[in-house]
Amino acid sequence: MIPGSRVSWPPPRSSSERPPRAGASARHLVALLRPGQWPKSLVALLPLLDPGLAGWGALGRAALAALAFVVASAVIYVANDIADRDRDRAHPVKRNRPIASGRVSLVTAGAVAAGLVVALVGIVGASPALWWPLLTYLVINVAYCAGLKHLPLVDLFAVASGFVLRLVQGYVVLHARPSAWLVLCVLSACLLLILGKRRHELGVADAAHRPSLAGYNQHFVDHLLVLTAAVTLVAYQQHVTAFGTAALLTVPCALFALFRYLQAVLVRADGGNPVAVLLHDRVMVANGVLWLLLLQGGVLYG
């Protein structure tokens, strides 16, 4: 030791060795539940656009259906991240997920999943027969995590079925049934969003991360995008026509939304996060507001 020098003990930590700030683990736990995906469950609120189902009581029941799907999807996300932690570490983006990055331990993740299951049982337990779409969703997604996600095309329909089941659950809790055209519209629209995500993944990942990508290429996906966009538009037009010819005034909003999403996917190569494309694109949001104004202004039911 050099005479006159002062040595502190223990030695000071470098900036990279500082302990995490308070609350960091809480943020990681929230990230584990993927709050950015929660808006998907708003599909369960679509029945409220039917004037025969509107009302505060209907809003409460539909909101409970949306909440139940938020909890159920969080269970699936945690289970999927636990199973895919090694594969996610090889992905340029998914390696930052809480489990893959090591910020949340397997024990903690398992405890979170168990707590979510308890909450779900509390919601469903009183009347399980009323929640058959939710239970079907859980079965399909367990099968998806177990192997369906590795099967090209099957993986698309497995994911899209979750949105259809959200829609059906919203109607079931209101003791009503959706039109076949609306079900087809939601299915094809969701297939469109998933295809946009697959197209993005073809450029940033490979079959080592998602084996089902071996069954796709950009040319094939582009054809499927055009096909599903056409089916979505026709199904929407057929659905709203049942409410009168004035409802056709909302079709341009649907057409513009399809154009804007295809532009994001094919021109900007920005289809990796469909929720972000729909909610963070100001033009898309403005179109959605106009769409809702037309619906609420009585055009759809005039």
C-alpha atoms as a PDB file:
ATOM      1  CA  MET A   1       0.000   0.000   0.000  1.00  0.00           C
ATOM      2  CA  ILE A   2       1.367   3.454  -0.869  1.00  0.00           C
ATOM      3  CA  PRO A   3       2.094   5.477   2.304  1.00  0.00           C
ATOM      4  CA  GLY A   4      -0.489   8.150   2.935  1.00  0.00           C
ATOM      5  CA  SER A   5      -3.101   6.600   0.710  1.00  0.00           C
ATOM      6  CA  ARG A   6      -6.502   5.700   2.078  1.00  0.00           C
ATOM      7  CA  VAL A   7      -8.175   2.451   1.194  1.00  0.00           C
ATOM      8  CA  SER A   8     -11.850   1.961   1.872  1.00  0.00           C
ATOM      9  CA  TRP A   9     -13.309  -1.439   2.587  1.00  0.00           C
ATOM     10  CA  PRO A  10     -15.277  -2.911   1.064  1.00  0.00           C
ATOM     11  CA  PRO A  11     -14.147  -1.425  -2.254  1.00  0.00           C
ATOM     12  CA  PRO A  12     -16.731   0.755  -4.016  1.00  0.00           C
ATOM     13  CA  ARG A  13     -18.876  -0.896  -6.655  1.00  0.00           C
ATOM     14  CA  SER A  14     -18.522   0.085 -10.287  1.00  0.00           C
ATOM     15  CA  SER A  15     -21.553   1.527 -12.024  1.00  0.00           C
ATOM     16  CA  SER A  16     -22.221  -1.853 -13.629  1.00  0.00           C
ATOM     17  CA  GLU A  17     -22.188  -3.572 -10.234  1.00  0.00           C
ATOM     18  CA  ARG A  18     -24.672  -1.324  -8.480  1.00  0.00           C
ATOM     19  CA  PRO A  19     -27.693  -3.128  -7.091  1.00  0.00           C
ATOM     20  CA  PRO A  20     -30.923  -2.614  -9.006  1.00  0.00           C
ATOM     21  CA  ARG A  21     -33.091   0.260  -7.950  1.00  0.00           C
ATOM     22  CA  ALA A  22     -36.083  -0.433  -5.742  1.00  0.00           C
ATOM     23  CA  GLY A  23     -39.055  -1.461  -7.833  1.00  0.00           C
ATOM     24  CA  ALA A  24     -37.014  -2.955 -10.667  1.00  0.00           C
ATOM     25  CA  SER A  25     -38.203  -6.472  -9.872  1.00  0.00           C
ATOM     26  CA  ALA A  26     -41.814  -5.272  -9.818  1.00  0.00           C
ATOM     27  CA  ARG A  27     -41.383  -3.863 -13.311  1.00  0.00           C
ATOM     28  CA  HIS A  28     -39.970  -7.166 -14.498  1.00  0.00           C
ATOM     29  CA  LEU A  29     -42.907  -9.043 -12.996  1.00  0.00           C
ATOM     30  CA  VAL A  30     -45.337  -6.746 -14.786  1.00  0.00           C
ATOM     31  CA  ALA A  31     -43.378  -7.231 -18.021  1.00  0.00           C
ATOM     32  CA  LEU A  32     -43.699 -10.980 -17.483  1.00  0.00           C
ATOM     33  CA  LEU A  33     -47.474 -10.586 -17.847  1.00  0.00           C
ATOM     34  CA  ARG A  34     -47.040  -8.696 -21.150  1.00  0.00           C
ATOM     35  CA  PRO A  35     -49.386  -5.747 -20.520  1.00  0.00           C
ATOM     36  CA  GLY A  36     -48.827  -4.620 -24.105  1.00  0.00           C
ATOM     37  CA  GLN A  37     -50.911  -7.632 -25.174  1.00  0.00           C
ATOM     38  CA  TRP A  38     -53.837  -6.943 -22.854  1.00  0.00           C
ATOM     39  CA  PRO A  39     -55.713  -4.822 -25.430  1.00  0.00           C
ATOM     40  CA  LYS A  40     -56.339  -8.055 -27.351  1.00  0.00           C
ATOM     41  CA  SER A  41     -58.981  -8.944 -24.771  1.00  0.00           C
ATOM     42  CA  LEU A  42     -61.014  -5.873 -25.708  1.00  0.00           C
ATOM     43  CA  VAL A  43     -62.466  -8.103 -28.433  1.00  0.00           C
ATOM     44  CA  ALA A  44     -64.754  -9.406 -25.672  1.00  0.00           C
ATOM     45  CA  LEU A  45     -66.371  -5.946 -25.599  1.00  0.00           C
ATOM     46  CA  LEU A  46     -67.463  -6.015 -29.247  1.00  0.00           C
ATOM     47  CA  PRO A  47     -70.960  -7.305 -28.346  1.00  0.00           C
ATOM     48  CA  LEU A  48     -71.610  -3.936 -26.710  1.00  0.00           C
ATOM     49  CA  LEU A  49     -71.788  -2.384 -30.183  1.00  0.00           C
ATOM     50  CA  ASP A  50     -75.046  -4.261 -30.637  1.00  0.00           C
ATOM     51  CA  PRO A  51     -77.799  -1.866 -29.451  1.00  0.00           C
ATOM     52  CA  GLY A  52     -79.815  -4.778 -28.110  1.00  0.00           C
ATOM     53  CA  LEU A  53     -77.008  -5.661 -25.709  1.00  0.00           C
ATOM     54  CA  ALA A  54     -75.993  -2.189 -24.532  1.00  0.00           C
ATOM     55  CA  GLY A  55     -76.351  -1.159 -20.886  1.00  0.00           C
ATOM     56  CA  TRP A  56     -74.350  -0.840 -17.679  1.00  0.00           C
ATOM     57  CA  GLY A  57     -75.076  -4.405 -16.639  1.00  0.00           C
ATOM     58  CA  ALA A  58     -73.910  -5.693 -20.000  1.00  0.00           C
ATOM     59  CA  LEU A  59     -70.792  -3.519 -19.738  1.00  0.00           C
ATOM     60  CA  GLY A  60     -69.924  -5.042 -16.377  1.00  0.00           C
ATOM     61  CA  ARG A  61     -70.322  -8.621 -17.599  1.00  0.00           C
ATOM     62  CA  ALA A  62     -68.408  -8.010 -20.822  1.00  0.00           C
ATOM     63  CA  ALA A  63     -65.639  -6.256 -18.866  1.00  0.00           C
ATOM     64  CA  LEU A  64     -65.385  -9.280 -16.574  1.00  0.00           C
ATOM     65  CA  ALA A  65     -65.032 -11.503 -19.656  1.00  0.00           C
ATOM     66  CA  ALA A  66     -62.221  -9.265 -20.947  1.00  0.00           C
ATOM     67  CA  LEU A  67     -60.507  -9.341 -17.538  1.00  0.00           C
ATOM     68  CA  ALA A  68     -60.762 -13.126 -17.364  1.00  0.00           C
ATOM     69  CA  PHE A  69     -59.017 -13.401 -20.736  1.00  0.00           C
ATOM     70  CA  VAL A  70     -56.306 -10.994 -19.593  1.00  0.00           C
ATOM     71  CA  VAL A  71     -55.602 -13.308 -16.650  1.00  0.00           C
ATOM     72  CA  ALA A  72     -55.845 -16.483 -18.767  1.00  0.00           C
ATOM     73  CA  SER A  73     -53.519 -15.106 -21.450  1.00  0.00           C
ATOM     74  CA  ALA A  74     -51.038 -14.030 -18.763  1.00  0.00           C
ATOM     75  CA  VAL A  75     -50.950 -17.621 -17.483  1.00  0.00           C
ATOM     76  CA  ILE A  76     -50.194 -18.838 -20.995  1.00  0.00           C
ATOM     77  CA  TYR A  77     -47.525 -16.186 -21.547  1.00  0.00           C
ATOM     78  CA  VAL A  78     -45.707 -17.110 -18.344  1.00  0.00           C
ATOM     79  CA  ALA A  79     -45.890 -20.842 -19.094  1.00  0.00           C
ATOM     80  CA  ASN A  80     -44.721 -20.254 -22.663  1.00  0.00           C
ATOM     81  CA  ASP A  81     -41.797 -18.087 -21.539  1.00  0.00           C
ATOM     82  CA  ILE A  82     -40.726 -20.739 -19.071  1.00  0.00           C
ATOM     83  CA  ALA A  83     -40.824 -23.449 -21.745  1.00  0.00           C
ATOM     84  CA  ASP A  84     -39.136 -21.301 -24.412  1.00  0.00           C
ATOM     85  CA  ARG A  85     -36.508 -19.578 -22.263  1.00  0.00           C
ATOM     86  CA  ASP A  86     -33.552 -21.242 -24.019  1.00  0.00           C
ATOM     87  CA  ARG A  87     -34.936 -20.604 -27.510  1.00  0.00           C
ATOM     88  CA  ASP A  88     -35.772 -16.990 -26.607  1.00  0.00           C
ATOM     89  CA  ARG A  89     -32.155 -16.338 -25.619  1.00  0.00           C
ATOM     90  CA  ALA A  90     -31.180 -16.869 -29.267  1.00  0.00           C
ATOM     91  CA  HIS A  91     -33.678 -14.238 -30.485  1.00  0.00           C
ATOM     92  CA  PRO A  92     -32.487 -10.614 -30.883  1.00  0.00           C
ATOM     93  CA  VAL A  93     -35.565  -9.208 -29.125  1.00  0.00           C
ATOM     94  CA  LYS A  94     -37.073 -12.016 -27.063  1.00  0.00           C
ATOM     95  CA  ARG A  95     -33.792 -12.571 -25.221  1.00  0.00           C
ATOM     96  CA  ASN A  96     -34.732  -9.473 -23.207  1.00  0.00           C
ATOM     97  CA  ARG A  97     -37.857 -11.105 -21.806  1.00  0.00           C
ATOM     98  CA  PRO A  98     -37.767 -11.366 -17.994  1.00  0.00           C
ATOM     99  CA  ILE A  99     -37.228 -15.141 -17.794  1.00  0.00           C
ATOM    100  CA  ALA A 100     -34.872 -15.484 -20.768  1.00  0.00           C
ATOM    101  CA  SER A 101     -32.733 -12.607 -19.476  1.00  0.00           C
ATOM    102  CA  GLY A 102     -32.616 -14.052 -15.955  1.00  0.00           C
ATOM    103  CA  ARG A 103     -34.315 -11.047 -14.360  1.00  0.00           C
ATOM    104  CA  VAL A 104     -37.138 -13.285 -13.124  1.00  0.00           C
ATOM    105  CA  SER A 105     -36.269 -16.719 -11.766  1.00  0.00           C
ATOM    106  CA  LEU A 106     -38.155 -19.872 -12.665  1.00  0.00           C
ATOM    107  CA  VAL A 107     -39.372 -20.199  -9.079  1.00  0.00           C
ATOM    108  CA  THR A 108     -40.774 -16.679  -9.092  1.00  0.00           C
ATOM    109  CA  ALA A 109     -42.365 -17.167 -12.507  1.00  0.00           C
ATOM    110  CA  GLY A 110     -43.978 -20.394 -11.331  1.00  0.00           C
ATOM    111  CA  ALA A 111     -45.363 -18.638  -8.243  1.00  0.00           C
ATOM    112  CA  VAL A 112     -46.813 -15.870 -10.410  1.00  0.00           C
ATOM    113  CA  ALA A 113     -48.452 -18.424 -12.706  1.00  0.00           C
ATOM    114  CA  ALA A 114     -49.946 -20.236  -9.701  1.00  0.00           C
ATOM    115  CA  GLY A 115     -51.376 -16.974  -8.365  1.00  0.00           C
ATOM    116  CA  LEU A 116     -52.948 -16.194 -11.716  1.00  0.00           C
ATOM    117  CA  VAL A 117     -54.533 -19.653 -11.860  1.00  0.00           C
ATOM    118  CA  VAL A 118     -56.057 -19.069  -8.418  1.00  0.00           C
ATOM    119  CA  ALA A 119     -57.471 -15.736  -9.610  1.00  0.00           C
ATOM    120  CA  LEU A 120     -58.882 -17.417 -12.700  1.00  0.00           C
ATOM    121  CA  VAL A 121     -60.551 -20.120 -10.650  1.00  0.00           C
ATOM    122  CA  GLY A 122     -62.132 -17.361  -8.564  1.00  0.00           C
ATOM    123  CA  ILE A 123     -63.649 -15.834 -11.693  1.00  0.00           C
ATOM    124  CA  VAL A 124     -64.763 -19.036 -13.406  1.00  0.00           C
ATOM    125  CA  GLY A 125     -65.509 -21.273 -10.441  1.00  0.00           C
ATOM    126  CA  ALA A 126     -69.014 -19.997  -9.691  1.00  0.00           C
ATOM    127  CA  SER A 127     -70.409 -20.859 -13.136  1.00  0.00           C
ATOM    128  CA  PRO A 128     -67.946 -22.872 -15.253  1.00  0.00           C
ATOM    129  CA  ALA A 129     -70.579 -23.691 -17.890  1.00  0.00           C
ATOM    130  CA  LEU A 130     -70.783 -19.982 -18.685  1.00  0.00           C
ATOM    131  CA  TRP A 131     -67.046 -19.834 -19.324  1.00  0.00           C
ATOM    132  CA  TRP A 132     -66.620 -22.637 -21.856  1.00  0.00           C
ATOM    133  CA  PRO A 133     -64.950 -20.316 -24.440  1.00  0.00           C
ATOM    134  CA  LEU A 134     -62.319 -19.371 -21.859  1.00  0.00           C
ATOM    135  CA  LEU A 135     -61.712 -22.997 -20.901  1.00  0.00           C
ATOM    136  CA  THR A 136     -61.463 -23.919 -24.590  1.00  0.00           C
ATOM    137  CA  TYR A 137     -58.918 -21.125 -25.003  1.00  0.00           C
ATOM    138  CA  LEU A 138     -56.794 -22.581 -22.224  1.00  0.00           C
ATOM    139  CA  VAL A 139     -56.920 -26.086 -23.726  1.00  0.00           C
ATOM    140  CA  ILE A 140     -55.944 -24.856 -27.199  1.00  0.00           C
ATOM    141  CA  ASN A 141     -53.099 -22.746 -25.834  1.00  0.00           C
ATOM    142  CA  VAL A 142     -51.722 -25.569 -23.717  1.00  0.00           C
ATOM    143  CA  ALA A 143     -51.676 -27.648 -26.909  1.00  0.00           C
ATOM    144  CA  TYR A 144     -50.102 -24.680 -28.706  1.00  0.00           C
ATOM    145  CA  CYS A 145     -47.283 -24.472 -26.178  1.00  0.00           C
ATOM    146  CA  ALA A 146     -46.867 -28.254 -26.290  1.00  0.00           C
ATOM    147  CA  GLY A 147     -46.361 -28.455 -30.037  1.00  0.00           C
ATOM    148  CA  LEU A 148     -49.012 -26.818 -32.233  1.00  0.00           C
ATOM    149  CA  LYS A 149     -46.880 -23.675 -32.480  1.00  0.00           C
ATOM    150  CA  HIS A 150     -44.295 -25.665 -34.431  1.00  0.00           C
ATOM    151  CA  LEU A 151     -46.775 -26.682 -37.179  1.00  0.00           C
ATOM    152  CA  PRO A 152     -46.983 -24.256 -40.121  1.00  0.00           C
ATOM    153  CA  LEU A 153     -50.504 -22.889 -40.767  1.00  0.00           C
ATOM    154  CA  VAL A 154     -51.843 -24.744 -37.724  1.00  0.00           C
ATOM    155  CA  ASP A 155     -49.986 -22.211 -35.582  1.00  0.00           C
ATOM    156  CA  LEU A 156     -51.845 -19.356 -37.299  1.00  0.00           C
ATOM    157  CA  PHE A 157     -55.294 -20.773 -36.641  1.00  0.00           C
ATOM    158  CA  ALA A 158     -54.430 -21.768 -33.064  1.00  0.00           C
ATOM    159  CA  VAL A 159     -53.512 -18.172 -32.232  1.00  0.00           C
ATOM    160  CA  ALA A 160     -56.430 -16.659 -34.173  1.00  0.00           C
ATOM    161  CA  SER A 161     -58.886 -18.942 -32.369  1.00  0.00           C
ATOM    162  CA  GLY A 162     -58.073 -17.083 -29.174  1.00  0.00           C
ATOM    163  CA  PHE A 163     -59.589 -13.887 -30.566  1.00  0.00           C
ATOM    164  CA  VAL A 164     -62.698 -15.669 -31.786  1.00  0.00           C
ATOM    165  CA  LEU A 165     -63.135 -17.250 -28.358  1.00  0.00           C
ATOM    166  CA  ARG A 166     -62.807 -13.818 -26.734  1.00  0.00           C
ATOM    167  CA  LEU A 167     -65.599 -12.573 -28.977  1.00  0.00           C
ATOM    168  CA  VAL A 168     -67.787 -15.601 -28.253  1.00  0.00           C
ATOM    169  CA  GLN A 169     -67.167 -15.272 -24.508  1.00  0.00           C
ATOM    170  CA  GLY A 170     -68.348 -11.677 -24.628  1.00  0.00           C
ATOM    171  CA  TYR A 171     -71.597 -12.824 -26.189  1.00  0.00           C
ATOM    172  CA  VAL A 172     -72.012 -15.847 -23.929  1.00  0.00           C
ATOM    173  CA  VAL A 173     -71.857 -13.813 -20.712  1.00  0.00           C
ATOM    174  CA  LEU A 174     -74.564 -11.597 -22.214  1.00  0.00           C
ATOM    175  CA  HIS A 175     -76.637 -14.683 -23.140  1.00  0.00           C
ATOM    176  CA  ALA A 176     -76.479 -13.860 -26.852  1.00  0.00           C
ATOM    177  CA  ARG A 177     -74.886 -15.253 -30.010  1.00  0.00           C
ATOM    178  CA  PRO A 178     -72.625 -13.506 -32.554  1.00  0.00           C
ATOM    179  CA  SER A 179     -73.442 -13.574 -36.246  1.00  0.00           C
ATOM    180  CA  ALA A 180     -71.501 -16.021 -38.382  1.00  0.00           C
ATOM    181  CA  TRP A 181     -70.232 -13.111 -40.504  1.00  0.00           C
ATOM    182  CA  LEU A 182     -68.840 -11.366 -37.422  1.00  0.00           C
ATOM    183  CA  VAL A 183     -67.049 -14.537 -36.315  1.00  0.00           C
ATOM    184  CA  LEU A 184     -65.536 -14.917 -39.786  1.00  0.00           C
ATOM    185  CA  CYS A 185     -64.543 -11.244 -39.825  1.00  0.00           C
ATOM    186  CA  VAL A 186     -62.730 -11.502 -36.477  1.00  0.00           C
ATOM    187  CA  LEU A 187     -61.044 -14.762 -37.490  1.00  0.00           C
ATOM    188  CA  SER A 188     -59.746 -13.428 -40.799  1.00  0.00           C
ATOM    189  CA  ALA A 189     -58.705 -10.073 -39.320  1.00  0.00           C
ATOM    190  CA  CYS A 190     -56.705 -11.847 -36.650  1.00  0.00           C
ATOM    191  CA  LEU A 191     -55.113 -14.158 -39.210  1.00  0.00           C
ATOM    192  CA  LEU A 192     -54.077 -11.005 -41.061  1.00  0.00           C
ATOM    193  CA  LEU A 193     -52.361  -9.597 -37.953  1.00  0.00           C
ATOM    194  CA  ILE A 194     -50.606 -12.886 -37.222  1.00  0.00           C
ATOM    195  CA  LEU A 195     -49.412 -13.194 -40.813  1.00  0.00           C
ATOM    196  CA  GLY A 196     -47.953  -9.705 -40.554  1.00  0.00           C
ATOM    197  CA  LYS A 197     -46.031 -10.818 -37.497  1.00  0.00           C
ATOM    198  CA  ARG A 198     -44.790 -13.977 -39.240  1.00  0.00           C
ATOM    199  CA  ARG A 199     -43.600 -11.901 -42.189  1.00  0.00           C
ATOM    200  CA  HIS A 200     -41.597  -9.716 -39.828  1.00  0.00           C
ATOM    201  CA  GLU A 201     -40.136 -12.771 -38.107  1.00  0.00           C
ATOM    202  CA  LEU A 202     -38.933 -14.173 -41.422  1.00  0.00           C
ATOM    203  CA  GLY A 203     -36.549 -11.233 -41.595  1.00  0.00           C
ATOM    204  CA  VAL A 204     -35.245 -11.269 -38.025  1.00  0.00           C
ATOM    205  CA  ALA A 205     -35.407 -14.902 -36.891  1.00  0.00           C
ATOM    206  CA  ASP A 206     -35.075 -18.391 -38.296  1.00  0.00           C
ATOM    207  CA  ALA A 207     -36.497 -21.866 -37.855  1.00  0.00           C
ATOM    208  CA  ALA A 208     -34.118 -22.488 -34.944  1.00  0.00           C
ATOM    209  CA  HIS A 209     -36.151 -20.006 -32.915  1.00  0.00           C
ATOM    210  CA  ARG A 210     -39.599 -20.722 -34.384  1.00  0.00           C
ATOM    211  CA  PRO A 211     -39.649 -24.080 -36.217  1.00  0.00           C
ATOM    212  CA  SER A 212     -42.917 -23.250 -37.971  1.00  0.00           C
ATOM    213  CA  LEU A 213     -41.119 -20.560 -39.996  1.00  0.00           C
ATOM    214  CA  ALA A 214     -39.685 -23.389 -42.099  1.00  0.00           C
ATOM    215  CA  GLY A 215     -43.147 -23.672 -43.663  1.00  0.00           C
ATOM    216  CA  TYR A 216     -43.298 -20.024 -44.757  1.00  0.00           C
ATOM    217  CA  ASN A 217     -41.500 -17.650 -47.060  1.00  0.00           C
ATOM    218  CA  GLN A 218     -42.136 -14.005 -47.861  1.00  0.00           C
ATOM    219  CA  HIS A 219     -43.843 -14.707 -51.187  1.00  0.00           C
ATOM    220  CA  PHE A 220     -46.252 -17.206 -49.626  1.00  0.00           C
ATOM    221  CA  VAL A 221     -47.070 -14.920 -46.691  1.00  0.00           C
ATOM    222  CA  ASP A 222     -47.709 -11.965 -49.022  1.00  0.00           C
ATOM    223  CA  HIS A 223     -50.302 -14.009 -50.898  1.00  0.00           C
ATOM    224  CA  LEU A 224     -51.971 -15.033 -47.649  1.00  0.00           C
ATOM    225  CA  LEU A 225     -52.045 -11.402 -46.489  1.00  0.00           C
ATOM    226  CA  VAL A 226     -53.957 -10.339 -49.605  1.00  0.00           C
ATOM    227  CA  LEU A 227     -56.355 -13.276 -49.311  1.00  0.00           C
ATOM    228  CA  THR A 228     -57.183 -12.729 -45.642  1.00  0.00           C
ATOM    229  CA  ALA A 229     -57.561  -8.967 -46.155  1.00  0.00           C
ATOM    230  CA  ALA A 230     -60.159  -9.640 -48.862  1.00  0.00           C
ATOM    231  CA  VAL A 231     -62.042 -12.138 -46.686  1.00  0.00           C
ATOM    232  CA  THR A 232     -62.009  -9.688 -43.768  1.00  0.00           C
ATOM    233  CA  LEU A 233     -63.516  -6.901 -45.845  1.00  0.00           C
ATOM    234  CA  VAL A 234     -66.230  -9.096 -47.372  1.00  0.00           C
ATOM    235  CA  ALA A 235     -67.163 -10.582 -43.992  1.00  0.00           C
ATOM    236  CA  TYR A 236     -67.372  -7.132 -42.393  1.00  0.00           C
ATOM    237  CA  GLN A 237     -69.516  -5.807 -45.227  1.00  0.00           C
ATOM    238  CA  GLN A 238     -71.866  -8.775 -44.945  1.00  0.00           C
ATOM    239  CA  HIS A 239     -72.117  -8.353 -41.185  1.00  0.00           C
ATOM    240  CA  VAL A 240     -72.991  -4.655 -41.188  1.00  0.00           C
ATOM    241  CA  THR A 241     -75.378  -4.939 -44.136  1.00  0.00           C
ATOM    242  CA  ALA A 242     -77.755  -6.792 -41.834  1.00  0.00           C
ATOM    243  CA  PHE A 243     -78.212  -3.503 -39.928  1.00  0.00           C
ATOM    244  CA  GLY A 244     -79.295  -1.512 -42.983  1.00  0.00           C
ATOM    245  CA  THR A 245     -77.792   0.154 -46.025  1.00  0.00           C
ATOM    246  CA  ALA A 246     -76.553   3.116 -43.948  1.00  0.00           C
ATOM    247  CA  ALA A 247     -74.117   0.738 -42.285  1.00  0.00           C
ATOM    248  CA  LEU A 248     -72.162   0.571 -45.525  1.00  0.00           C
ATOM    249  CA  LEU A 249     -70.807   4.055 -44.692  1.00  0.00           C
ATOM    250  CA  THR A 250     -68.512   2.357 -42.180  1.00  0.00           C
ATOM    251  CA  VAL A 251     -66.982   0.060 -44.815  1.00  0.00           C
ATOM    252  CA  PRO A 252     -64.500   2.723 -46.031  1.00  0.00           C
ATOM    253  CA  CYS A 253     -63.111   2.882 -42.476  1.00  0.00           C
ATOM    254  CA  ALA A 254     -62.594  -0.876 -42.528  1.00  0.00           C
ATOM    255  CA  LEU A 255     -60.991  -0.677 -45.959  1.00  0.00           C
ATOM    256  CA  PHE A 256     -58.655   2.129 -44.878  1.00  0.00           C
ATOM    257  CA  ALA A 257     -57.624   0.180 -41.774  1.00  0.00           C
ATOM    258  CA  LEU A 258     -56.724  -2.805 -43.939  1.00  0.00           C
ATOM    259  CA  PHE A 259     -54.758  -0.609 -46.346  1.00  0.00           C
ATOM    260  CA  ARG A 260     -52.909   1.074 -43.480  1.00  0.00           C
ATOM    261  CA  TYR A 261     -51.963  -2.216 -41.851  1.00  0.00           C
ATOM    262  CA  LEU A 262     -50.755  -3.710 -45.130  1.00  0.00           C
ATOM    263  CA  GLN A 263     -48.697  -0.565 -45.670  1.00  0.00           C
ATOM    264  CA  ALA A 264     -47.099  -1.030 -42.251  1.00  0.00           C
ATOM    265  CA  VAL A 265     -46.289  -4.669 -42.985  1.00  0.00           C
ATOM    266  CA  LEU A 266     -45.268  -4.534 -46.645  1.00  0.00           C
ATOM    267  CA  VAL A 267     -43.756  -1.054 -46.956  1.00  0.00           C
ATOM    268  CA  ARG A 268     -42.408  -0.234 -43.503  1.00  0.00           C
ATOM    269  CA  ALA A 269     -41.717  -3.860 -42.479  1.00  0.00           C
ATOM    270  CA  ASP A 270     -43.310  -2.976 -39.157  1.00  0.00           C
ATOM    271  CA  GLY A 271     -45.491  -5.982 -38.408  1.00  0.00           C
ATOM    272  CA  GLY A 272     -43.535  -7.431 -35.486  1.00  0.00           C
ATOM    273  CA  ASN A 273     -45.969  -6.095 -32.905  1.00  0.00           C
ATOM    274  CA  PRO A 274     -49.503  -5.862 -34.347  1.00  0.00           C
ATOM    275  CA  VAL A 275     -50.890  -4.287 -31.157  1.00  0.00           C
ATOM    276  CA  ALA A 276     -48.355  -1.467 -31.406  1.00  0.00           C
ATOM    277  CA  VAL A 277     -49.185  -0.935 -35.086  1.00  0.00           C
ATOM    278  CA  LEU A 278     -52.879  -0.599 -34.270  1.00  0.00           C
ATOM    279  CA  LEU A 279     -52.569   1.559 -31.151  1.00  0.00           C
ATOM    280  CA  HIS A 280     -49.464   3.678 -31.741  1.00  0.00           C
ATOM    281  CA  ASP A 281     -50.145   4.666 -35.360  1.00  0.00           C
ATOM    282  CA  ARG A 282     -51.886   8.051 -35.106  1.00  0.00           C
ATOM    283  CA  VAL A 283     -53.509   7.695 -38.511  1.00  0.00           C
ATOM    284  CA  MET A 284     -54.863   4.274 -37.556  1.00  0.00           C
ATOM    285  CA  VAL A 285     -56.158   5.640 -34.241  1.00  0.00           C
ATOM    286  CA  ALA A 286     -57.840   8.601 -35.970  1.00  0.00           C
ATOM    287  CA  ASN A 287     -59.510   6.218 -38.402  1.00  0.00           C
ATOM    288  CA  GLY A 288     -60.684   4.100 -35.485  1.00  0.00           C
ATOM    289  CA  VAL A 289     -62.176   7.128 -33.721  1.00  0.00           C
ATOM    290  CA  LEU A 290     -64.064   8.110 -36.883  1.00  0.00           C
ATOM    291  CA  TRP A 291     -65.246   4.527 -37.192  1.00  0.00           C
ATOM    292  CA  LEU A 292     -66.626   4.531 -33.659  1.00  0.00           C
ATOM    293  CA  LEU A 293     -68.265   7.927 -34.156  1.00  0.00           C
ATOM    294  CA  LEU A 294     -70.104   6.565 -37.154  1.00  0.00           C
ATOM    295  CA  LEU A 295     -71.221   3.557 -35.155  1.00  0.00           C
ATOM    296  CA  GLN A 296     -72.295   5.527 -32.104  1.00  0.00           C
ATOM    297  CA  GLY A 297     -73.881   8.241 -34.210  1.00  0.00           C
ATOM    298  CA  GLY A 298     -76.534   5.835 -35.344  1.00  0.00           C
ATOM    299  CA  VAL A 299     -75.214   5.124 -38.822  1.00  0.00           C
ATOM    300  CA  LEU A 300     -74.903   1.428 -38.116  1.00  0.00           C
ATOM    301  CA  TYR A 301     -78.391   1.095 -36.698  1.00  0.00           C
ATOM    302  CA  GLY A 302     -80.218   3.907 -38.443  1.00  0.00           C
END
